[in-house]
Structures are given as structure tokens and as C-alpha cells.
């Protein structure tokens, strides 16, 4: 199998070995550097992933300064290593890059909502009031854009609205999966990776909201559900949920 095949099928240890071999043969292979970074992330070897993620990030920014590069991967890696302040700093940097226009690309179709949603989760988890307020204000600014141009943006718009008190979990679930019941959403996700990805996002941030409401048991249930969806759901939320389920919150 190719290195990419190992990575895509979740055989992360084998992917690491395969990408290491490719980089031994050609140290300038940036696709393999990216693959190795992601294989390390998948295996939970975050300290090993970070230098490779920074290498890929710097090259991505040289090629396209408008890109956020690998900062979101790095945010998750630092978080899972317990470097919480560094992770929050990077998540806030991503939010600021959208606000000031230095970055317009994002891993979602909601104007960079992912950055604010991840910052919200992290701030809630460490009880960081300043960054919690910053994240909500960032999401409110995005929500104002959603109101002005409602046909332009896509999910996770409804999850943003849920955190802001304007939508229910069922609304977010329906936007993500076209189903309002969790059982039906799981059935849809079984045969559609796009739905599985969106389902992981909806579950994860419902968990973060439960934590903000001091319902830690409900949050833990949601994190387990995201973890159980596996690596084929949203990667960033899966890393964070897996970390929580391992008891390392």
C-alpha cells in the first residue's frame, strides 16, 4: 500500500514508517512532510508532529499568504500536549487573521467559524473568561454576516447560532445531517463521510456548550460520541475528543 493509503485508512503507525521512507529518499518532498505530520497526529504523537507541522505551515504560507497554513493542526497538537496557553494563543491568532483580513481561507463554509468554535471550546475548558468572551464576540461578528447574506454561508452556521442562543441542538444537527434525531443522523453518517464529518462537529460543540453550562456529564457523553465516530469525522475535533476520552482533559 502507498503511504497515503495507510493514512486514509487510519493505519497511522504504518503511514509514519512509509512517509519516513519517502522522506529518506527525498527530503524536500513537501507532500510527504505533510503526510508524516498528519500520520504523527493520527497516532497521537503530537510532539513528533509539531516540527513537521511547522515546516509544512511555513511552506504553505510562502506559497499562499492568504492561507491559515497548519495553525489549526498546531493548535490541537499543543493543546493535547498540555501547552494550553500556546494552543489558545494560536486559536486566537487564527480568529484575528480573519477579522483583520490577513487570511480569508478557512476549513469551513461559514467564514472561519471553525477558529472561533475551537477557541470557545478551549476557553470554556480552562475557564478562561477573557478568551471565552473574545470567541463569542468573534462568532457574533460572523453571525451578523450570516444575517446579511443568509444564502452565502453553510454549516457550521447553525452551530454558531446554537452557541449564541439562537438555535437548538436539533437545528444544528439538521443543518449538519438533514436529520433532527441523533439516531437518524448516525444512520445517514454510516454511508456518507461528509455527513459523518459534520455530525462530529455538531456533537463536539454541543458538548462544549454543555460544559459552559456546567453539565460535565453531558459534555463527556458528547466527547465519547465524537471519539467513537473515528478519524473519518472532523480531524481537529476528533483529536480533541480522543484526548478527553483518554482522561487527559
Foldseek 3Di string as FASTA:
>chain_A
DALVVCLVVLVLVVNLVRLVVVCVVPVPPLVSLVSNLSSCLSVVVLVVNVVSQVVQQVVVCVVPQQALRSLLVNLLSCVLVVVLVVSLVSLVVQLVCQVVVSHQDEPFQQRNLVSLLVNCLSCLVVVPVVSVVVSLVSLVVSLVVCVVPVVRGAPVNQLSCVLVVNHPLLVNLCRLQVGSDPVVLVVSCVVDLSSQQSNLVSLQSVLSSCSSVVNNVSSLVSLVVSCVSDCSHNNSSNSVSVSVPVVND
